[in-house]
Structures are given as structure tokens and as C-alpha cells.
N, C-alpha and C. Protein backbone atom coordinates (compact mmCIF):
# COMPACT_ATOMS: atom_id res chain seq x y z
N MET A 1 145.24 133.81 27.90
CA MET A 1 144.30 134.73 27.29
C MET A 1 143.93 135.80 28.33
N GLU A 2 143.85 137.02 27.87
CA GLU A 2 143.56 138.14 28.76
C GLU A 2 142.17 138.01 29.40
N SER A 3 142.04 138.62 30.57
CA SER A 3 140.79 138.49 31.33
C SER A 3 139.58 139.07 30.60
N ILE A 4 139.76 140.12 29.79
CA ILE A 4 138.62 140.69 29.07
C ILE A 4 137.99 139.67 28.14
N TYR A 5 138.82 138.86 27.50
CA TYR A 5 138.29 137.85 26.59
C TYR A 5 137.59 136.73 27.36
N LYS A 6 138.10 136.44 28.54
CA LYS A 6 137.44 135.44 29.39
C LYS A 6 136.06 135.94 29.84
N LYS A 7 135.96 137.24 30.13
CA LYS A 7 134.66 137.82 30.51
C LYS A 7 133.68 137.75 29.35
N ILE A 8 134.16 138.09 28.17
CA ILE A 8 133.31 138.03 26.98
C ILE A 8 132.83 136.60 26.77
N TRP A 9 133.74 135.65 26.91
CA TRP A 9 133.40 134.24 26.72
C TRP A 9 132.34 133.79 27.73
N GLN A 10 132.50 134.17 28.98
CA GLN A 10 131.52 133.79 30.01
C GLN A 10 130.13 134.33 29.69
N LEU A 11 130.07 135.53 29.15
CA LEU A 11 128.77 136.11 28.77
C LEU A 11 128.21 135.48 27.50
N ALA A 12 129.06 134.94 26.66
CA ALA A 12 128.62 134.31 25.41
C ALA A 12 128.12 132.88 25.62
N ILE A 13 128.65 132.19 26.60
CA ILE A 13 128.32 130.76 26.80
C ILE A 13 126.82 130.50 26.89
N PRO A 14 126.02 131.27 27.64
CA PRO A 14 124.58 130.97 27.68
C PRO A 14 123.91 131.01 26.30
N PHE A 15 124.38 131.87 25.42
CA PHE A 15 123.83 131.92 24.07
C PHE A 15 124.25 130.69 23.27
N TYR A 16 125.50 130.27 23.44
CA TYR A 16 125.97 129.08 22.74
C TYR A 16 125.26 127.81 23.23
N LYS A 17 124.89 127.79 24.48
CA LYS A 17 124.16 126.62 25.00
C LYS A 17 122.78 126.49 24.33
N LYS A 18 122.25 127.60 23.83
CA LYS A 18 120.96 127.58 23.13
C LYS A 18 121.14 127.39 21.62
N GLY A 19 122.37 127.40 21.15
CA GLY A 19 122.66 127.32 19.72
C GLY A 19 122.87 125.90 19.23
N ARG A 20 123.79 125.77 18.30
CA ARG A 20 124.06 124.46 17.70
C ARG A 20 124.76 123.54 18.70
N SER A 21 124.65 122.26 18.47
CA SER A 21 125.18 121.28 19.42
C SER A 21 126.71 121.36 19.55
N TYR A 22 127.38 121.92 18.58
CA TYR A 22 128.84 121.94 18.59
C TYR A 22 129.44 123.34 18.72
N ASP A 23 128.64 124.36 18.97
CA ASP A 23 129.15 125.73 19.01
C ASP A 23 130.24 125.95 20.06
N ILE A 24 130.06 125.44 21.26
CA ILE A 24 131.04 125.68 22.32
C ILE A 24 132.37 125.03 21.96
N ILE A 25 132.32 123.81 21.44
CA ILE A 25 133.55 123.13 21.04
C ILE A 25 134.24 123.92 19.93
N GLN A 26 133.46 124.38 18.96
CA GLN A 26 134.00 125.15 17.85
C GLN A 26 134.70 126.41 18.33
N VAL A 27 134.03 127.19 19.15
CA VAL A 27 134.58 128.48 19.58
C VAL A 27 135.81 128.27 20.45
N ARG A 28 135.81 127.28 21.31
CA ARG A 28 137.00 127.01 22.13
C ARG A 28 138.20 126.69 21.24
N TRP A 29 138.00 125.85 20.24
CA TRP A 29 139.08 125.50 19.33
C TRP A 29 139.57 126.75 18.59
N MET A 30 138.64 127.55 18.09
CA MET A 30 139.00 128.76 17.34
C MET A 30 139.73 129.77 18.22
N MET A 31 139.33 129.90 19.50
CA MET A 31 140.01 130.83 20.41
C MET A 31 141.46 130.41 20.58
N LYS A 32 141.67 129.14 20.83
CA LYS A 32 143.03 128.63 21.06
C LYS A 32 143.90 128.85 19.83
N GLU A 33 143.41 128.43 18.66
CA GLU A 33 144.20 128.57 17.44
C GLU A 33 144.33 130.03 17.02
N GLY A 34 143.29 130.82 17.19
CA GLY A 34 143.35 132.24 16.85
C GLY A 34 144.37 132.98 17.70
N ASP A 35 144.40 132.70 18.99
CA ASP A 35 145.36 133.32 19.89
C ASP A 35 146.79 132.97 19.46
N ARG A 36 147.01 131.70 19.13
CA ARG A 36 148.34 131.22 18.72
C ARG A 36 148.77 131.83 17.38
N ILE A 37 147.90 131.76 16.39
CA ILE A 37 148.27 132.22 15.04
C ILE A 37 148.35 133.74 14.97
N ALA A 38 147.54 134.44 15.73
CA ALA A 38 147.62 135.91 15.75
C ALA A 38 149.00 136.37 16.19
N ASP A 39 149.58 135.66 17.15
CA ASP A 39 150.95 135.99 17.57
C ASP A 39 151.94 135.75 16.44
N LEU A 40 151.83 134.64 15.76
CA LEU A 40 152.74 134.31 14.65
C LEU A 40 152.63 135.31 13.50
N GLU A 41 151.40 135.72 13.20
CA GLU A 41 151.14 136.56 12.04
C GLU A 41 150.99 138.05 12.38
N LYS A 42 151.14 138.39 13.66
CA LYS A 42 151.00 139.79 14.11
C LYS A 42 149.65 140.39 13.70
N ILE A 43 148.60 139.66 14.05
CA ILE A 43 147.23 140.09 13.76
C ILE A 43 146.62 140.62 15.05
N ASP A 44 145.82 141.65 14.95
CA ASP A 44 145.26 142.36 16.10
C ASP A 44 144.25 141.49 16.87
N LYS A 45 144.67 141.02 18.03
CA LYS A 45 143.81 140.19 18.87
C LYS A 45 142.62 140.97 19.42
N LYS A 46 142.76 142.28 19.54
CA LYS A 46 141.66 143.09 20.08
C LYS A 46 140.44 143.05 19.17
N LEU A 47 140.66 142.78 17.89
CA LEU A 47 139.56 142.58 16.95
C LEU A 47 139.27 141.10 16.76
N LEU A 48 140.31 140.31 16.59
CA LEU A 48 140.14 138.89 16.26
C LEU A 48 139.46 138.08 17.36
N LEU A 49 139.94 138.18 18.58
CA LEU A 49 139.41 137.31 19.63
C LEU A 49 137.95 137.57 19.97
N PRO A 50 137.50 138.82 20.14
CA PRO A 50 136.06 139.02 20.35
C PRO A 50 135.22 138.55 19.16
N LEU A 51 135.74 138.74 17.94
CA LEU A 51 135.04 138.23 16.76
C LEU A 51 134.88 136.72 16.84
N ILE A 52 135.95 136.03 17.15
CA ILE A 52 135.89 134.57 17.29
C ILE A 52 134.90 134.19 18.39
N ILE A 53 135.04 134.81 19.54
CA ILE A 53 134.23 134.43 20.70
C ILE A 53 132.74 134.66 20.44
N LEU A 54 132.39 135.73 19.76
CA LEU A 54 130.98 136.12 19.63
C LEU A 54 130.34 135.79 18.27
N HIS A 55 131.10 135.30 17.32
CA HIS A 55 130.60 135.24 15.95
C HIS A 55 129.32 134.43 15.76
N ASP A 56 129.11 133.37 16.51
CA ASP A 56 127.94 132.52 16.29
C ASP A 56 126.90 132.56 17.41
N VAL A 57 126.96 133.57 18.28
CA VAL A 57 125.94 133.67 19.35
C VAL A 57 124.54 133.79 18.77
N GLY A 58 124.42 134.26 17.54
CA GLY A 58 123.12 134.42 16.91
C GLY A 58 122.40 133.12 16.61
N TYR A 59 123.11 132.00 16.63
CA TYR A 59 122.43 130.71 16.45
C TYR A 59 121.47 130.42 17.60
N SER A 60 121.62 131.14 18.70
CA SER A 60 120.68 130.98 19.82
C SER A 60 119.28 131.46 19.42
N LYS A 61 119.16 132.20 18.34
CA LYS A 61 117.87 132.72 17.87
C LYS A 61 117.34 131.94 16.67
N VAL A 62 118.06 130.90 16.26
CA VAL A 62 117.64 130.08 15.12
C VAL A 62 116.84 128.89 15.64
N LYS A 63 115.71 128.61 15.02
CA LYS A 63 114.82 127.55 15.51
C LYS A 63 115.36 126.13 15.27
N ILE A 64 116.11 125.92 14.20
CA ILE A 64 116.65 124.60 13.88
C ILE A 64 117.92 124.39 14.70
N LYS A 65 118.04 123.25 15.38
CA LYS A 65 119.17 123.00 16.28
C LYS A 65 120.50 122.95 15.52
N ASP A 66 120.62 122.15 14.50
CA ASP A 66 121.86 122.02 13.73
C ASP A 66 121.55 122.20 12.25
N PRO A 67 121.35 123.44 11.81
CA PRO A 67 120.95 123.70 10.43
C PRO A 67 122.06 123.36 9.43
N HIS A 68 121.68 123.18 8.19
CA HIS A 68 122.61 122.97 7.08
C HIS A 68 123.65 124.09 7.14
N ILE A 69 124.93 123.76 7.06
CA ILE A 69 125.97 124.76 7.27
C ILE A 69 126.06 125.80 6.15
N LYS A 70 125.32 125.60 5.06
CA LYS A 70 125.35 126.59 3.98
C LYS A 70 123.96 127.17 3.68
N ASP A 71 123.04 127.02 4.62
CA ASP A 71 121.68 127.55 4.43
C ASP A 71 121.69 129.08 4.55
N LYS A 72 121.28 129.74 3.49
CA LYS A 72 121.36 131.21 3.43
C LYS A 72 120.43 131.90 4.42
N ASP A 73 119.22 131.41 4.60
CA ASP A 73 118.30 132.05 5.54
C ASP A 73 118.84 131.98 6.97
N THR A 74 119.36 130.82 7.34
CA THR A 74 119.93 130.66 8.67
C THR A 74 121.13 131.58 8.86
N LYS A 75 121.97 131.65 7.85
CA LYS A 75 123.15 132.52 7.94
C LYS A 75 122.73 133.98 8.15
N ARG A 76 121.74 134.41 7.40
CA ARG A 76 121.27 135.80 7.49
C ARG A 76 120.76 136.10 8.91
N VAL A 77 119.91 135.21 9.43
CA VAL A 77 119.33 135.42 10.76
C VAL A 77 120.41 135.41 11.84
N HIS A 78 121.30 134.42 11.80
CA HIS A 78 122.28 134.33 12.89
C HIS A 78 123.29 135.47 12.86
N MET A 79 123.59 136.02 11.69
CA MET A 79 124.50 137.18 11.64
C MET A 79 123.81 138.43 12.17
N ARG A 80 122.57 138.65 11.78
CA ARG A 80 121.83 139.83 12.23
C ARG A 80 121.63 139.78 13.75
N GLU A 81 121.13 138.66 14.24
CA GLU A 81 120.87 138.52 15.68
C GLU A 81 122.17 138.47 16.48
N GLY A 82 123.18 137.83 15.92
CA GLY A 82 124.47 137.77 16.60
C GLY A 82 125.10 139.14 16.79
N ALA A 83 124.96 140.01 15.80
CA ALA A 83 125.50 141.36 15.91
C ALA A 83 124.82 142.11 17.05
N LYS A 84 123.52 141.94 17.19
CA LYS A 84 122.79 142.60 18.29
C LYS A 84 123.27 142.10 19.65
N ILE A 85 123.39 140.79 19.77
CA ILE A 85 123.84 140.19 21.04
C ILE A 85 125.27 140.62 21.35
N ALA A 86 126.13 140.58 20.33
CA ALA A 86 127.54 140.96 20.51
C ALA A 86 127.66 142.41 20.98
N ALA A 87 126.87 143.29 20.41
CA ALA A 87 126.91 144.71 20.81
C ALA A 87 126.59 144.85 22.30
N LYS A 88 125.59 144.11 22.77
CA LYS A 88 125.20 144.19 24.18
C LYS A 88 126.30 143.64 25.09
N ILE A 89 126.90 142.52 24.68
CA ILE A 89 127.96 141.91 25.49
C ILE A 89 129.18 142.84 25.55
N LEU A 90 129.58 143.39 24.41
CA LEU A 90 130.74 144.27 24.39
C LEU A 90 130.50 145.54 25.20
N GLU A 91 129.29 146.04 25.17
CA GLU A 91 128.94 147.20 25.99
C GLU A 91 128.97 146.82 27.47
N GLN A 92 128.49 145.64 27.79
CA GLN A 92 128.45 145.19 29.18
C GLN A 92 129.85 145.09 29.79
N VAL A 93 130.84 144.66 28.98
CA VAL A 93 132.22 144.55 29.50
C VAL A 93 133.01 145.84 29.30
N LYS A 94 132.32 146.87 28.79
CA LYS A 94 132.94 148.19 28.55
C LYS A 94 134.13 148.09 27.59
N TYR A 95 133.91 147.32 26.52
CA TYR A 95 134.96 147.18 25.50
C TYR A 95 135.11 148.51 24.77
N ASP A 96 136.30 148.80 24.28
CA ASP A 96 136.56 150.03 23.53
C ASP A 96 135.47 150.23 22.48
N PRO A 97 134.72 151.32 22.54
CA PRO A 97 133.57 151.52 21.64
C PRO A 97 133.92 151.50 20.15
N GLU A 98 135.08 152.04 19.79
CA GLU A 98 135.47 152.03 18.37
C GLU A 98 135.76 150.60 17.90
N LEU A 99 136.45 149.83 18.72
CA LEU A 99 136.72 148.44 18.37
C LEU A 99 135.42 147.63 18.37
N ALA A 100 134.56 147.89 19.34
CA ALA A 100 133.29 147.18 19.43
C ALA A 100 132.46 147.39 18.16
N LYS A 101 132.46 148.60 17.65
CA LYS A 101 131.71 148.92 16.44
C LYS A 101 132.22 148.08 15.25
N ILE A 102 133.54 147.94 15.15
CA ILE A 102 134.13 147.13 14.06
C ILE A 102 133.78 145.66 14.25
N ILE A 103 133.90 145.17 15.47
CA ILE A 103 133.62 143.76 15.76
C ILE A 103 132.16 143.43 15.44
N VAL A 104 131.25 144.29 15.87
CA VAL A 104 129.82 144.07 15.60
C VAL A 104 129.57 144.05 14.10
N ARG A 105 130.22 144.95 13.37
CA ARG A 105 130.07 144.95 11.91
C ARG A 105 130.60 143.64 11.32
N TYR A 106 131.77 143.20 11.78
CA TYR A 106 132.34 141.94 11.29
C TYR A 106 131.38 140.77 11.56
N ILE A 107 130.79 140.74 12.74
CA ILE A 107 129.85 139.66 13.06
C ILE A 107 128.64 139.71 12.13
N SER A 108 128.22 140.91 11.78
CA SER A 108 127.04 141.05 10.91
C SER A 108 127.31 140.60 9.47
N ILE A 109 128.58 140.40 9.11
CA ILE A 109 128.94 139.99 7.74
C ILE A 109 129.88 138.78 7.71
N HIS A 110 130.11 138.13 8.85
CA HIS A 110 131.17 137.11 8.90
C HIS A 110 130.92 135.89 8.02
N ASP A 111 129.69 135.62 7.65
CA ASP A 111 129.39 134.50 6.75
C ASP A 111 128.90 134.99 5.38
N ASN A 112 129.30 136.16 4.97
CA ASN A 112 128.86 136.69 3.68
C ASN A 112 129.32 135.85 2.49
N TRP A 113 130.29 135.00 2.69
CA TRP A 113 130.75 134.11 1.62
C TRP A 113 129.59 133.30 1.05
N VAL A 114 128.61 132.94 1.90
CA VAL A 114 127.49 132.11 1.43
C VAL A 114 126.65 132.86 0.40
N PHE A 115 126.78 134.19 0.38
CA PHE A 115 126.05 135.01 -0.60
C PHE A 115 126.94 135.42 -1.77
N GLY A 116 128.14 134.82 -1.85
CA GLY A 116 129.06 135.12 -2.93
C GLY A 116 129.91 136.36 -2.70
N ASP A 117 129.88 136.91 -1.48
CA ASP A 117 130.61 138.13 -1.16
C ASP A 117 131.88 137.78 -0.36
N ASP A 118 133.02 137.84 -1.02
CA ASP A 118 134.30 137.53 -0.37
C ASP A 118 135.06 138.78 0.06
N TRP A 119 134.50 139.96 -0.19
CA TRP A 119 135.18 141.20 0.12
C TRP A 119 135.60 141.31 1.60
N PRO A 120 134.74 140.93 2.57
CA PRO A 120 135.16 141.12 3.97
C PRO A 120 136.47 140.42 4.32
N TYR A 121 136.75 139.30 3.70
CA TYR A 121 137.94 138.51 4.04
C TYR A 121 139.18 139.01 3.30
N LYS A 122 138.95 139.78 2.25
CA LYS A 122 140.06 140.35 1.50
C LYS A 122 140.42 141.74 2.01
N SER A 123 139.53 142.35 2.77
CA SER A 123 139.75 143.72 3.23
C SER A 123 140.33 143.81 4.65
N SER A 124 140.41 142.68 5.34
CA SER A 124 140.85 142.69 6.74
C SER A 124 141.61 141.40 7.06
N ARG A 125 142.79 141.54 7.61
CA ARG A 125 143.58 140.36 8.01
C ARG A 125 142.87 139.58 9.11
N GLU A 126 142.21 140.31 10.00
CA GLU A 126 141.47 139.63 11.09
C GLU A 126 140.34 138.79 10.51
N MET A 127 139.61 139.35 9.56
CA MET A 127 138.52 138.60 8.92
C MET A 127 139.05 137.42 8.11
N ALA A 128 140.21 137.60 7.46
CA ALA A 128 140.80 136.51 6.67
C ALA A 128 141.18 135.35 7.59
N LEU A 129 141.85 135.65 8.70
CA LEU A 129 142.22 134.58 9.64
C LEU A 129 140.97 133.97 10.26
N PHE A 130 140.02 134.81 10.64
CA PHE A 130 138.77 134.29 11.18
C PHE A 130 138.13 133.31 10.20
N ASN A 131 138.04 133.68 8.92
CA ASN A 131 137.41 132.82 7.92
C ASN A 131 138.15 131.50 7.79
N ASP A 132 139.48 131.55 7.83
CA ASP A 132 140.26 130.31 7.78
C ASP A 132 139.90 129.42 8.96
N LEU A 133 139.91 129.98 10.15
CA LEU A 133 139.64 129.18 11.36
C LEU A 133 138.21 128.65 11.38
N ASP A 134 137.26 129.46 10.92
CA ASP A 134 135.87 129.03 10.88
C ASP A 134 135.70 127.84 9.94
N PHE A 135 136.46 127.83 8.88
CA PHE A 135 136.46 126.71 7.93
C PHE A 135 137.22 125.52 8.52
N LEU A 136 138.36 125.78 9.11
CA LEU A 136 139.24 124.71 9.58
C LEU A 136 138.72 123.95 10.79
N TRP A 137 137.93 124.60 11.63
CA TRP A 137 137.49 123.91 12.84
C TRP A 137 136.73 122.64 12.49
N VAL A 138 136.08 122.64 11.31
CA VAL A 138 135.32 121.46 10.86
C VAL A 138 136.23 120.24 10.80
N THR A 139 137.51 120.45 10.51
CA THR A 139 138.45 119.33 10.42
C THR A 139 139.26 119.13 11.70
N SER A 140 138.89 119.84 12.76
CA SER A 140 139.66 119.77 14.01
C SER A 140 139.54 118.42 14.71
N SER A 141 138.46 117.71 14.43
CA SER A 141 138.28 116.36 14.98
C SER A 141 137.32 115.59 14.06
N PHE A 142 137.38 114.30 14.15
CA PHE A 142 136.48 113.51 13.32
C PHE A 142 135.03 113.75 13.73
N ARG A 143 134.81 113.95 15.01
CA ARG A 143 133.45 114.22 15.51
C ARG A 143 132.87 115.49 14.88
N ALA A 144 133.68 116.58 14.87
CA ALA A 144 133.24 117.84 14.27
C ALA A 144 132.99 117.65 12.78
N PHE A 145 133.88 116.92 12.14
CA PHE A 145 133.77 116.68 10.71
C PHE A 145 132.48 115.93 10.39
N ALA A 146 132.22 114.86 11.12
CA ALA A 146 131.02 114.06 10.89
C ALA A 146 129.75 114.86 11.17
N ALA A 147 129.76 115.68 12.23
CA ALA A 147 128.58 116.48 12.57
C ALA A 147 128.25 117.49 11.48
N ASN A 148 129.26 118.11 10.92
CA ASN A 148 129.02 119.08 9.85
C ASN A 148 128.56 118.40 8.57
N GLY A 149 129.13 117.25 8.27
CA GLY A 149 128.66 116.49 7.11
C GLY A 149 127.21 116.06 7.29
N LYS A 150 126.87 115.63 8.49
CA LYS A 150 125.50 115.21 8.78
C LYS A 150 124.52 116.36 8.58
N SER A 151 124.93 117.59 8.95
CA SER A 151 124.03 118.74 8.79
C SER A 151 123.69 118.97 7.32
N MET A 152 124.54 118.44 6.43
CA MET A 152 124.32 118.58 4.99
C MET A 152 123.76 117.30 4.37
N GLY A 153 123.49 116.30 5.23
CA GLY A 153 122.96 115.04 4.73
C GLY A 153 124.00 114.19 4.04
N LEU A 154 125.28 114.36 4.41
CA LEU A 154 126.37 113.63 3.77
C LEU A 154 127.03 112.67 4.74
N THR A 155 127.46 111.54 4.23
CA THR A 155 128.26 110.61 5.01
C THR A 155 129.66 111.21 5.17
N PRO A 156 130.44 110.75 6.15
CA PRO A 156 131.79 111.27 6.29
C PRO A 156 132.63 111.15 5.00
N LYS A 157 132.50 110.04 4.28
CA LYS A 157 133.28 109.88 3.05
C LYS A 157 132.86 110.88 1.98
N SER A 158 131.56 111.06 1.80
CA SER A 158 131.12 112.02 0.78
C SER A 158 131.40 113.46 1.22
N PHE A 159 131.34 113.71 2.53
CA PHE A 159 131.66 115.05 3.02
C PHE A 159 133.15 115.33 2.83
N TYR A 160 133.99 114.34 2.98
CA TYR A 160 135.43 114.52 2.74
C TYR A 160 135.67 115.00 1.31
N LYS A 161 135.04 114.36 0.36
CA LYS A 161 135.20 114.76 -1.05
C LYS A 161 134.70 116.19 -1.26
N PHE A 162 133.57 116.48 -0.63
CA PHE A 162 133.01 117.83 -0.73
C PHE A 162 133.98 118.85 -0.12
N TRP A 163 134.51 118.57 1.08
CA TRP A 163 135.32 119.54 1.81
C TRP A 163 136.69 119.76 1.16
N GLU A 164 137.24 118.72 0.54
CA GLU A 164 138.56 118.89 -0.07
C GLU A 164 138.51 119.73 -1.34
N SER A 165 137.29 119.97 -1.85
CA SER A 165 137.16 120.82 -3.03
C SER A 165 136.19 121.99 -2.78
N ASP A 166 136.00 122.34 -1.51
CA ASP A 166 135.08 123.43 -1.17
C ASP A 166 135.50 124.72 -1.85
N GLU A 167 134.52 125.53 -2.20
CA GLU A 167 134.78 126.79 -2.89
C GLU A 167 135.70 127.73 -2.10
N LYS A 168 135.79 127.60 -0.81
CA LYS A 168 136.65 128.44 0.01
C LYS A 168 138.10 128.35 -0.47
N LEU A 169 138.51 127.17 -0.87
CA LEU A 169 139.90 126.94 -1.23
C LEU A 169 140.34 127.74 -2.46
N THR A 170 139.42 128.06 -3.33
CA THR A 170 139.77 128.86 -4.50
C THR A 170 139.34 130.32 -4.35
N ARG A 171 138.19 130.55 -3.74
CA ARG A 171 137.70 131.93 -3.61
C ARG A 171 138.37 132.70 -2.48
N ARG A 172 138.68 132.03 -1.37
CA ARG A 172 139.28 132.68 -0.22
C ARG A 172 140.44 131.83 0.28
N PRO A 173 141.54 131.78 -0.48
CA PRO A 173 142.66 130.91 -0.08
C PRO A 173 143.15 131.23 1.33
N PHE A 174 143.78 130.25 1.95
CA PHE A 174 144.27 130.45 3.31
C PHE A 174 145.18 131.67 3.39
N CYS A 175 145.03 132.41 4.48
CA CYS A 175 145.72 133.70 4.61
C CYS A 175 147.17 133.56 5.04
N CYS A 176 147.56 132.37 5.50
CA CYS A 176 148.95 132.20 5.97
C CYS A 176 149.33 130.72 5.94
N SER A 177 150.60 130.47 6.06
CA SER A 177 151.08 129.09 6.01
C SER A 177 150.59 128.28 7.22
N ALA A 178 150.38 128.93 8.35
CA ALA A 178 149.92 128.21 9.55
C ALA A 178 148.54 127.59 9.33
N THR A 179 147.63 128.31 8.68
CA THR A 179 146.29 127.76 8.46
C THR A 179 146.32 126.72 7.34
N GLN A 180 147.15 126.93 6.33
CA GLN A 180 147.29 125.92 5.27
C GLN A 180 147.81 124.61 5.87
N LYS A 181 148.76 124.71 6.78
CA LYS A 181 149.34 123.54 7.43
C LYS A 181 148.28 122.79 8.25
N ILE A 182 147.46 123.52 8.98
CA ILE A 182 146.38 122.88 9.76
C ILE A 182 145.47 122.10 8.82
N PHE A 183 145.08 122.70 7.70
CA PHE A 183 144.19 122.03 6.75
C PHE A 183 144.83 120.75 6.21
N ASP A 184 146.06 120.85 5.76
CA ASP A 184 146.73 119.68 5.18
C ASP A 184 146.83 118.54 6.19
N GLN A 185 147.27 118.85 7.39
CA GLN A 185 147.41 117.82 8.42
C GLN A 185 146.07 117.23 8.84
N SER A 186 145.07 118.08 9.01
CA SER A 186 143.75 117.61 9.44
C SER A 186 143.10 116.72 8.39
N MET A 187 143.19 117.11 7.14
CA MET A 187 142.59 116.31 6.07
C MET A 187 143.28 114.95 5.94
N ARG A 188 144.60 114.92 6.12
CA ARG A 188 145.30 113.62 6.10
C ARG A 188 144.81 112.73 7.24
N ARG A 189 144.66 113.32 8.43
CA ARG A 189 144.20 112.56 9.59
C ARG A 189 142.78 112.03 9.38
N ILE A 190 141.90 112.88 8.84
CA ILE A 190 140.52 112.44 8.60
C ILE A 190 140.48 111.36 7.54
N LYS A 191 141.26 111.51 6.50
CA LYS A 191 141.30 110.50 5.43
C LYS A 191 141.70 109.14 6.00
N GLN A 192 142.66 109.14 6.90
CA GLN A 192 143.08 107.88 7.54
C GLN A 192 141.95 107.26 8.34
N GLN A 193 141.15 108.10 8.99
CA GLN A 193 140.04 107.58 9.80
C GLN A 193 138.90 107.06 8.93
N LEU A 194 138.84 107.50 7.69
CA LEU A 194 137.78 107.04 6.78
C LEU A 194 138.06 105.66 6.21
N THR A 195 139.32 105.24 6.21
CA THR A 195 139.66 103.96 5.61
C THR A 195 139.57 102.81 6.58
């Protein structure tokens, strides 16, 4: 990964330490997979990687440590505050101002799906891949899966049923075969761990 993204990540870490208990693990996983899949799909890393790295820094301004993953008020606050923090970090590393403006906008709308707005993910390949990865990281490990289910008050078994029929799968289908493959493999692995 290029040094500029490492600098952005170093500046983001203090905010993630104040955020949700699993934010750092999530973003590390998304950076790795985003970097890999962007090469396969020829997606612009200059937009994708800073979006991935900075997308949830706004949880540092949310009072609840691990809020319900579909709570609209929390989503609204963390997107608004995250965009402000991201703008400062991108300015600090002297990121291309035109790209920074797009990234900050993406961060300000990256969870708009919770409000029924799927347009951002249909209008940009970077946002589509980001949305896939943001959804998929939940299945990246049993620990992540259980933590997200717990935030919704669900047992791992009931969360599995919920996640295998989540509205994302019909409203915002996976943008490429690589993300579909991750989902299929991860869900099989989690199902095995549930039995």
C-alpha cells in the first residue's frame, strides 16, 4: 500500500480508538480486500482507499460504544462528523483537493442505504465496492459476525438468518464476482461454526 494511505491510516487510528470496539479490525480488513479487489476490477484506489480508511472515523463522536448497526440517528451523526474529520485529515496530508472533495462527500453519504437511498452505490464503482466490503467485513470472522449480531440483540444463529436475507442482497447486489465469492465462502464458514 502506498505511503499516502499509510499516513492517512495513522491519522485515523486515534479516532477509531474512540469509536466502536471493532472499527480498527474492520478497516484493516477492508483496506486489504479493497486494495486487492480494486486491482482485479480496475477501480480507482485514489478514491476507494481513503474512503475505506476514513469512512467510520465519525463513530468517535457517537456516545454509544457499539450502537445498533442500523440505527438511523447514529448513522446520521457518524457520517456528518466523519466527513468533517476526513476533510481535516486529507488536508493535513495534502491530498489532491478535487479527490478529497469527492471522498468527503462519499463519507457524508456512505451509509445512506439505511435511509432507503441506494443511489450513491449505483452512481460510483468505488462506492459500490465500498458498500460490498462494508457489508462483507461482518462475515470476515466469527468474532466480527457475533459482535454485529450482538449490537442488534441477536444470537449468532438468528443473526445468520437475518444476514443471509439482508436487504442489501436485493437492493444493492454485489458489484463483482470477487465480492460475491467472499460472501458465499464466508457464510458457509460461519454456518459450519454455528452447528
